[in-house]
Amino acid sequence: MLWWMWIVLWTVLVLVSLAFIVGAVWGLVTKKALPALREVEAFADDLTVRWNATAQGASQPLRTPAEPAVFTPVNSARAAYSSGRDQRQTARLIRRMNRKDAKGQPQRLSDLRRAERKGLHHGPLV
């Protein structure tokens, strides 16, 4: 190989490597850093608004304190958890049945039975 061919080869290699690094940094900045900065900006704006409202005498706290769960009776905590779980399951069931309706797919028999047990009326079969 001639001596100038080595120079061309290494020049191309360095330029390709540089282009790859620039592309990787560009992708990282546009996909990760900018959305994170936008989120930080939104949080700072919200914090500024609440800070100014508090400084002007409004008694709105920065966040609502949660009720301590240590003193909650066990039965009521279990009932609240069960109620929330049942609501989430029902919402998931309705979403799944609506999605299958929208796609024109047949419903699962277990979904139809669950809907019937919960008193949901869906379609001609229930």
N, C-alpha and C. Protein backbone atom coordinates (compact mmCIF):
# COMPACT_ATOMS: atom_id res chain seq x y z
N MET A 1 0.83 -1.17 0.00
CA MET A 1 0.00 0.00 0.00
C MET A 1 0.88 1.24 0.00
N LEU A 2 0.45 2.22 -0.71
CA LEU A 2 1.22 3.46 -0.79
C LEU A 2 1.04 4.26 0.51
N TRP A 3 2.00 5.14 0.76
CA TRP A 3 1.97 5.91 2.00
C TRP A 3 0.78 6.84 2.08
N TRP A 4 0.36 7.44 0.98
CA TRP A 4 -0.78 8.37 1.00
C TRP A 4 -2.09 7.63 1.22
N MET A 5 -2.14 6.33 0.88
CA MET A 5 -3.35 5.55 1.12
C MET A 5 -3.61 5.38 2.61
N TRP A 6 -2.52 5.26 3.39
CA TRP A 6 -2.67 5.18 4.84
C TRP A 6 -3.26 6.47 5.40
N ILE A 7 -2.83 7.59 4.87
CA ILE A 7 -3.36 8.88 5.32
C ILE A 7 -4.85 8.98 4.99
N VAL A 8 -5.24 8.57 3.79
CA VAL A 8 -6.65 8.60 3.40
C VAL A 8 -7.46 7.66 4.29
N LEU A 9 -6.93 6.46 4.51
CA LEU A 9 -7.63 5.47 5.32
C LEU A 9 -7.87 5.99 6.74
N TRP A 10 -6.83 6.52 7.37
CA TRP A 10 -6.98 7.02 8.74
C TRP A 10 -7.86 8.27 8.79
N THR A 11 -7.81 9.10 7.79
CA THR A 11 -8.66 10.28 7.75
C THR A 11 -10.13 9.88 7.68
N VAL A 12 -10.43 8.92 6.82
CA VAL A 12 -11.81 8.44 6.70
C VAL A 12 -12.25 7.78 8.00
N LEU A 13 -11.37 6.99 8.59
CA LEU A 13 -11.70 6.32 9.85
C LEU A 13 -12.01 7.32 10.96
N VAL A 14 -11.20 8.35 11.07
CA VAL A 14 -11.42 9.38 12.09
C VAL A 14 -12.71 10.15 11.81
N LEU A 15 -12.96 10.48 10.55
CA LEU A 15 -14.19 11.22 10.22
C LEU A 15 -15.45 10.39 10.50
N VAL A 16 -15.41 9.12 10.18
CA VAL A 16 -16.56 8.25 10.45
C VAL A 16 -16.77 8.12 11.96
N SER A 17 -15.70 7.95 12.71
CA SER A 17 -15.81 7.86 14.17
C SER A 17 -16.38 9.15 14.75
N LEU A 18 -15.91 10.27 14.26
CA LEU A 18 -16.40 11.57 14.72
C LEU A 18 -17.88 11.74 14.40
N ALA A 19 -18.29 11.32 13.19
CA ALA A 19 -19.70 11.41 12.82
C ALA A 19 -20.56 10.53 13.72
N PHE A 20 -20.07 9.33 14.06
CA PHE A 20 -20.81 8.45 14.96
C PHE A 20 -20.95 9.07 16.34
N ILE A 21 -19.89 9.63 16.86
CA ILE A 21 -19.94 10.24 18.19
C ILE A 21 -20.88 11.43 18.20
N VAL A 22 -20.83 12.27 17.17
CA VAL A 22 -21.73 13.43 17.08
C VAL A 22 -23.18 12.96 17.01
N GLY A 23 -23.46 11.92 16.23
CA GLY A 23 -24.82 11.39 16.13
C GLY A 23 -25.31 10.83 17.45
N ALA A 24 -24.45 10.11 18.17
CA ALA A 24 -24.83 9.56 19.46
C ALA A 24 -25.12 10.65 20.48
N VAL A 25 -24.27 11.67 20.52
CA VAL A 25 -24.49 12.78 21.44
C VAL A 25 -25.77 13.54 21.08
N TRP A 26 -26.00 13.76 19.79
CA TRP A 26 -27.21 14.46 19.34
C TRP A 26 -28.46 13.68 19.76
N GLY A 27 -28.46 12.37 19.55
CA GLY A 27 -29.60 11.56 19.95
C GLY A 27 -29.82 11.58 21.45
N LEU A 28 -28.74 11.53 22.21
CA LEU A 28 -28.84 11.56 23.66
C LEU A 28 -29.41 12.89 24.14
N VAL A 29 -28.95 13.97 23.55
CA VAL A 29 -29.42 15.30 23.96
C VAL A 29 -30.89 15.49 23.60
N THR A 30 -31.28 15.11 22.37
CA THR A 30 -32.65 15.38 21.94
C THR A 30 -33.66 14.44 22.56
N LYS A 31 -33.28 13.20 22.85
CA LYS A 31 -34.24 12.23 23.37
C LYS A 31 -34.27 12.14 24.88
N LYS A 32 -33.19 12.48 25.54
CA LYS A 32 -33.13 12.34 27.00
C LYS A 32 -33.01 13.67 27.73
N ALA A 33 -32.05 14.48 27.34
CA ALA A 33 -31.74 15.69 28.10
C ALA A 33 -32.81 16.76 27.94
N LEU A 34 -33.27 17.01 26.71
CA LEU A 34 -34.26 18.07 26.50
C LEU A 34 -35.61 17.76 27.17
N PRO A 35 -36.15 16.53 27.07
CA PRO A 35 -37.39 16.26 27.80
C PRO A 35 -37.21 16.39 29.32
N ALA A 36 -36.05 15.99 29.82
CA ALA A 36 -35.80 16.13 31.25
C ALA A 36 -35.75 17.61 31.65
N LEU A 37 -35.14 18.43 30.83
CA LEU A 37 -35.08 19.86 31.12
C LEU A 37 -36.47 20.49 31.06
N ARG A 38 -37.31 20.04 30.11
CA ARG A 38 -38.68 20.56 30.04
C ARG A 38 -39.46 20.18 31.30
N GLU A 39 -39.25 18.97 31.79
CA GLU A 39 -39.93 18.54 33.00
C GLU A 39 -39.46 19.34 34.21
N VAL A 40 -38.17 19.59 34.29
CA VAL A 40 -37.64 20.42 35.38
C VAL A 40 -38.19 21.83 35.29
N GLU A 41 -38.32 22.37 34.08
CA GLU A 41 -38.86 23.71 33.89
C GLU A 41 -40.32 23.78 34.35
N ALA A 42 -41.12 22.76 34.00
CA ALA A 42 -42.52 22.74 34.43
C ALA A 42 -42.62 22.66 35.95
N PHE A 43 -41.76 21.84 36.57
CA PHE A 43 -41.76 21.73 38.03
C PHE A 43 -41.35 23.06 38.67
N ALA A 44 -40.35 23.72 38.10
CA ALA A 44 -39.90 25.00 38.66
C ALA A 44 -40.98 26.06 38.51
N ASP A 45 -41.69 26.08 37.38
CA ASP A 45 -42.79 27.04 37.21
C ASP A 45 -43.88 26.81 38.25
N ASP A 46 -44.25 25.55 38.46
CA ASP A 46 -45.28 25.22 39.45
C ASP A 46 -44.82 25.61 40.85
N LEU A 47 -43.57 25.32 41.15
CA LEU A 47 -43.03 25.67 42.46
C LEU A 47 -43.01 27.18 42.65
N THR A 48 -42.67 27.93 41.61
CA THR A 48 -42.63 29.40 41.69
C THR A 48 -44.02 29.96 41.95
N VAL A 49 -45.01 29.42 41.24
CA VAL A 49 -46.38 29.89 41.44
C VAL A 49 -46.83 29.62 42.88
N ARG A 50 -46.58 28.43 43.36
CA ARG A 50 -46.99 28.10 44.74
C ARG A 50 -46.20 28.91 45.77
N TRP A 51 -44.92 29.13 45.49
CA TRP A 51 -44.09 29.90 46.41
C TRP A 51 -44.61 31.34 46.52
N ASN A 52 -44.92 31.95 45.37
CA ASN A 52 -45.43 33.31 45.37
C ASN A 52 -46.79 33.39 46.05
N ALA A 53 -47.64 32.39 45.85
CA ALA A 53 -48.94 32.38 46.51
C ALA A 53 -48.78 32.27 48.02
N THR A 54 -47.84 31.47 48.46
CA THR A 54 -47.59 31.32 49.90
C THR A 54 -47.00 32.61 50.47
N ALA A 55 -46.12 33.25 49.70
CA ALA A 55 -45.49 34.49 50.17
C ALA A 55 -46.51 35.62 50.28
N GLN A 56 -47.59 35.56 49.48
CA GLN A 56 -48.60 36.61 49.54
C GLN A 56 -49.67 36.33 50.59
N GLY A 57 -49.51 35.27 51.33
CA GLY A 57 -50.42 35.02 52.44
C GLY A 57 -51.41 33.90 52.21
N ALA A 58 -51.41 33.29 51.07
CA ALA A 58 -52.30 32.16 50.84
C ALA A 58 -51.80 30.98 51.66
N SER A 59 -52.71 30.26 52.27
CA SER A 59 -52.30 29.17 53.16
C SER A 59 -52.32 27.82 52.45
N GLN A 60 -52.10 27.79 51.14
CA GLN A 60 -52.09 26.54 50.40
C GLN A 60 -50.72 25.87 50.58
N PRO A 61 -50.70 24.65 51.10
CA PRO A 61 -49.40 23.99 51.29
C PRO A 61 -48.83 23.54 49.94
N LEU A 62 -47.52 23.31 49.92
CA LEU A 62 -46.89 22.86 48.68
C LEU A 62 -47.37 21.47 48.29
N ARG A 63 -47.69 20.64 49.24
CA ARG A 63 -48.32 19.35 48.96
C ARG A 63 -49.22 19.00 50.12
N THR A 64 -50.25 18.25 49.81
CA THR A 64 -51.19 17.87 50.85
C THR A 64 -50.61 16.71 51.65
N PRO A 65 -50.48 16.88 52.94
CA PRO A 65 -49.91 15.79 53.73
C PRO A 65 -50.87 14.60 53.80
N ALA A 66 -50.31 13.43 53.71
CA ALA A 66 -51.11 12.21 53.77
C ALA A 66 -51.49 11.91 55.22
N GLU A 67 -52.64 11.30 55.37
CA GLU A 67 -53.08 10.90 56.70
C GLU A 67 -52.21 9.73 57.16
N PRO A 68 -51.70 9.77 58.39
CA PRO A 68 -50.84 8.67 58.84
C PRO A 68 -51.62 7.36 58.89
N ALA A 69 -51.07 6.34 58.25
CA ALA A 69 -51.77 5.06 58.18
C ALA A 69 -51.51 4.19 59.39
N VAL A 70 -50.66 4.64 60.29
CA VAL A 70 -50.34 3.84 61.47
C VAL A 70 -51.57 3.69 62.36
N PHE A 71 -52.38 4.73 62.41
CA PHE A 71 -53.52 4.72 63.30
C PHE A 71 -54.81 4.25 62.62
N THR A 72 -54.72 3.84 61.38
CA THR A 72 -55.90 3.36 60.65
C THR A 72 -56.20 1.94 61.11
N PRO A 73 -57.45 1.65 61.42
CA PRO A 73 -57.79 0.28 61.81
C PRO A 73 -57.52 -0.69 60.66
N VAL A 74 -57.12 -1.89 60.99
CA VAL A 74 -56.73 -2.88 60.00
C VAL A 74 -57.90 -3.21 59.07
N ASN A 75 -59.08 -3.38 59.63
CA ASN A 75 -60.24 -3.76 58.81
C ASN A 75 -60.58 -2.68 57.79
N SER A 76 -60.50 -1.42 58.18
CA SER A 76 -60.82 -0.35 57.23
C SER A 76 -59.72 -0.22 56.17
N ALA A 77 -58.47 -0.47 56.53
CA ALA A 77 -57.39 -0.42 55.55
C ALA A 77 -57.56 -1.54 54.53
N ARG A 78 -57.92 -2.74 55.02
CA ARG A 78 -58.16 -3.85 54.10
C ARG A 78 -59.36 -3.59 53.22
N ALA A 79 -60.40 -2.99 53.78
CA ALA A 79 -61.60 -2.68 52.98
C ALA A 79 -61.27 -1.64 51.90
N ALA A 80 -60.48 -0.63 52.26
CA ALA A 80 -60.09 0.39 51.27
C ALA A 80 -59.25 -0.22 50.17
N TYR A 81 -58.34 -1.12 50.54
CA TYR A 81 -57.50 -1.78 49.54
C TYR A 81 -58.35 -2.66 48.63
N SER A 82 -59.26 -3.43 49.21
CA SER A 82 -60.12 -4.30 48.41
C SER A 82 -61.01 -3.50 47.48
N SER A 83 -61.53 -2.39 47.97
CA SER A 83 -62.39 -1.55 47.15
C SER A 83 -61.59 -0.97 45.97
N GLY A 84 -60.42 -0.47 46.25
CA GLY A 84 -59.58 0.07 45.19
C GLY A 84 -59.19 -0.99 44.18
N ARG A 85 -58.86 -2.18 44.68
CA ARG A 85 -58.50 -3.28 43.79
C ARG A 85 -59.67 -3.66 42.89
N ASP A 86 -60.86 -3.72 43.47
CA ASP A 86 -62.05 -4.06 42.68
C ASP A 86 -62.33 -2.99 41.62
N GLN A 87 -62.15 -1.73 41.98
CA GLN A 87 -62.37 -0.65 41.00
C GLN A 87 -61.35 -0.73 39.86
N ARG A 88 -60.10 -1.01 40.20
CA ARG A 88 -59.07 -1.14 39.16
C ARG A 88 -59.35 -2.32 38.24
N GLN A 89 -59.77 -3.45 38.82
CA GLN A 89 -60.07 -4.64 38.02
C GLN A 89 -61.26 -4.38 37.10
N THR A 90 -62.28 -3.71 37.62
CA THR A 90 -63.46 -3.41 36.79
C THR A 90 -63.10 -2.46 35.66
N ALA A 91 -62.31 -1.45 35.96
CA ALA A 91 -61.88 -0.50 34.92
C ALA A 91 -61.06 -1.22 33.85
N ARG A 92 -60.17 -2.13 34.27
CA ARG A 92 -59.37 -2.90 33.33
C ARG A 92 -60.25 -3.80 32.47
N LEU A 93 -61.26 -4.41 33.08
CA LEU A 93 -62.19 -5.27 32.36
C LEU A 93 -62.95 -4.48 31.29
N ILE A 94 -63.42 -3.31 31.66
CA ILE A 94 -64.18 -2.47 30.72
C ILE A 94 -63.27 -2.02 29.58
N ARG A 95 -62.04 -1.61 29.90
CA ARG A 95 -61.10 -1.20 28.85
C ARG A 95 -60.81 -2.34 27.89
N ARG A 96 -60.59 -3.55 28.44
CA ARG A 96 -60.29 -4.69 27.59
C ARG A 96 -61.47 -5.04 26.69
N MET A 97 -62.69 -5.02 27.24
CA MET A 97 -63.87 -5.35 26.45
C MET A 97 -64.12 -4.30 25.37
N ASN A 98 -63.92 -3.04 25.71
CA ASN A 98 -64.09 -1.97 24.70
C ASN A 98 -63.04 -2.08 23.61
N ARG A 99 -61.81 -2.42 24.00
CA ARG A 99 -60.74 -2.55 23.01
C ARG A 99 -61.03 -3.70 22.05
N LYS A 100 -61.51 -4.82 22.61
CA LYS A 100 -61.84 -5.95 21.74
C LYS A 100 -63.03 -5.62 20.83
N ASP A 101 -63.99 -4.86 21.34
CA ASP A 101 -65.11 -4.42 20.50
C ASP A 101 -64.62 -3.54 19.36
N ALA A 102 -63.72 -2.61 19.68
CA ALA A 102 -63.23 -1.69 18.66
C ALA A 102 -62.45 -2.42 17.58
N LYS A 103 -61.74 -3.49 17.96
CA LYS A 103 -60.96 -4.24 16.98
C LYS A 103 -61.78 -5.32 16.28
N GLY A 104 -63.02 -5.54 16.74
CA GLY A 104 -63.85 -6.56 16.13
C GLY A 104 -63.46 -7.96 16.53
N GLN A 105 -62.80 -8.10 17.68
CA GLN A 105 -62.37 -9.42 18.15
C GLN A 105 -63.43 -10.01 19.08
N PRO A 106 -63.49 -11.32 19.17
CA PRO A 106 -64.44 -11.94 20.09
C PRO A 106 -64.02 -11.69 21.54
N GLN A 107 -65.02 -11.60 22.41
CA GLN A 107 -64.74 -11.38 23.82
C GLN A 107 -64.31 -12.68 24.49
N ARG A 108 -63.51 -12.56 25.54
CA ARG A 108 -63.15 -13.73 26.33
C ARG A 108 -64.35 -14.13 27.18
N LEU A 109 -64.57 -15.41 27.29
CA LEU A 109 -65.69 -15.90 28.07
C LEU A 109 -65.56 -15.50 29.54
N SER A 110 -64.33 -15.52 30.04
CA SER A 110 -64.12 -15.13 31.44
C SER A 110 -64.47 -13.66 31.64
N ASP A 111 -64.19 -12.81 30.64
CA ASP A 111 -64.55 -11.39 30.75
C ASP A 111 -66.07 -11.23 30.79
N LEU A 112 -66.76 -11.99 29.95
CA LEU A 112 -68.23 -11.91 29.93
C LEU A 112 -68.82 -12.37 31.25
N ARG A 113 -68.27 -13.44 31.82
CA ARG A 113 -68.76 -13.93 33.11
C ARG A 113 -68.50 -12.92 34.22
N ARG A 114 -67.30 -12.34 34.21
CA ARG A 114 -66.99 -11.33 35.23
C ARG A 114 -67.91 -10.12 35.10
N ALA A 115 -68.14 -9.68 33.87
CA ALA A 115 -69.02 -8.53 33.65
C ALA A 115 -70.43 -8.86 34.13
N GLU A 116 -70.88 -10.08 33.89
CA GLU A 116 -72.21 -10.47 34.35
C GLU A 116 -72.29 -10.49 35.88
N ARG A 117 -71.23 -11.00 36.53
CA ARG A 117 -71.20 -11.03 38.00
C ARG A 117 -71.19 -9.62 38.59
N LYS A 118 -70.52 -8.69 37.90
CA LYS A 118 -70.41 -7.32 38.42
C LYS A 118 -71.60 -6.47 38.02
N GLY A 119 -72.50 -7.03 37.23
CA GLY A 119 -73.69 -6.29 36.85
C GLY A 119 -73.48 -5.36 35.67
N LEU A 120 -72.41 -5.57 34.92
CA LEU A 120 -72.16 -4.76 33.74
C LEU A 120 -72.88 -5.39 32.56
N HIS A 121 -73.55 -4.60 31.78
CA HIS A 121 -74.25 -5.11 30.61
C HIS A 121 -73.44 -4.72 29.39
N HIS A 122 -73.01 -5.73 28.67
CA HIS A 122 -72.15 -5.49 27.52
C HIS A 122 -72.59 -6.39 26.38
N GLY A 123 -73.16 -5.80 25.36
CA GLY A 123 -73.51 -6.54 24.16
C GLY A 123 -74.72 -7.43 24.33
N PRO A 124 -75.06 -8.20 23.32
CA PRO A 124 -76.29 -9.00 23.34
C PRO A 124 -76.17 -10.25 24.18
N LEU A 125 -74.95 -10.72 24.52
CA LEU A 125 -74.82 -11.98 25.24
C LEU A 125 -75.00 -11.82 26.75
N VAL A 126 -74.78 -10.64 27.25
CA VAL A 126 -74.83 -10.47 28.72
C VAL A 126 -76.14 -9.83 29.11
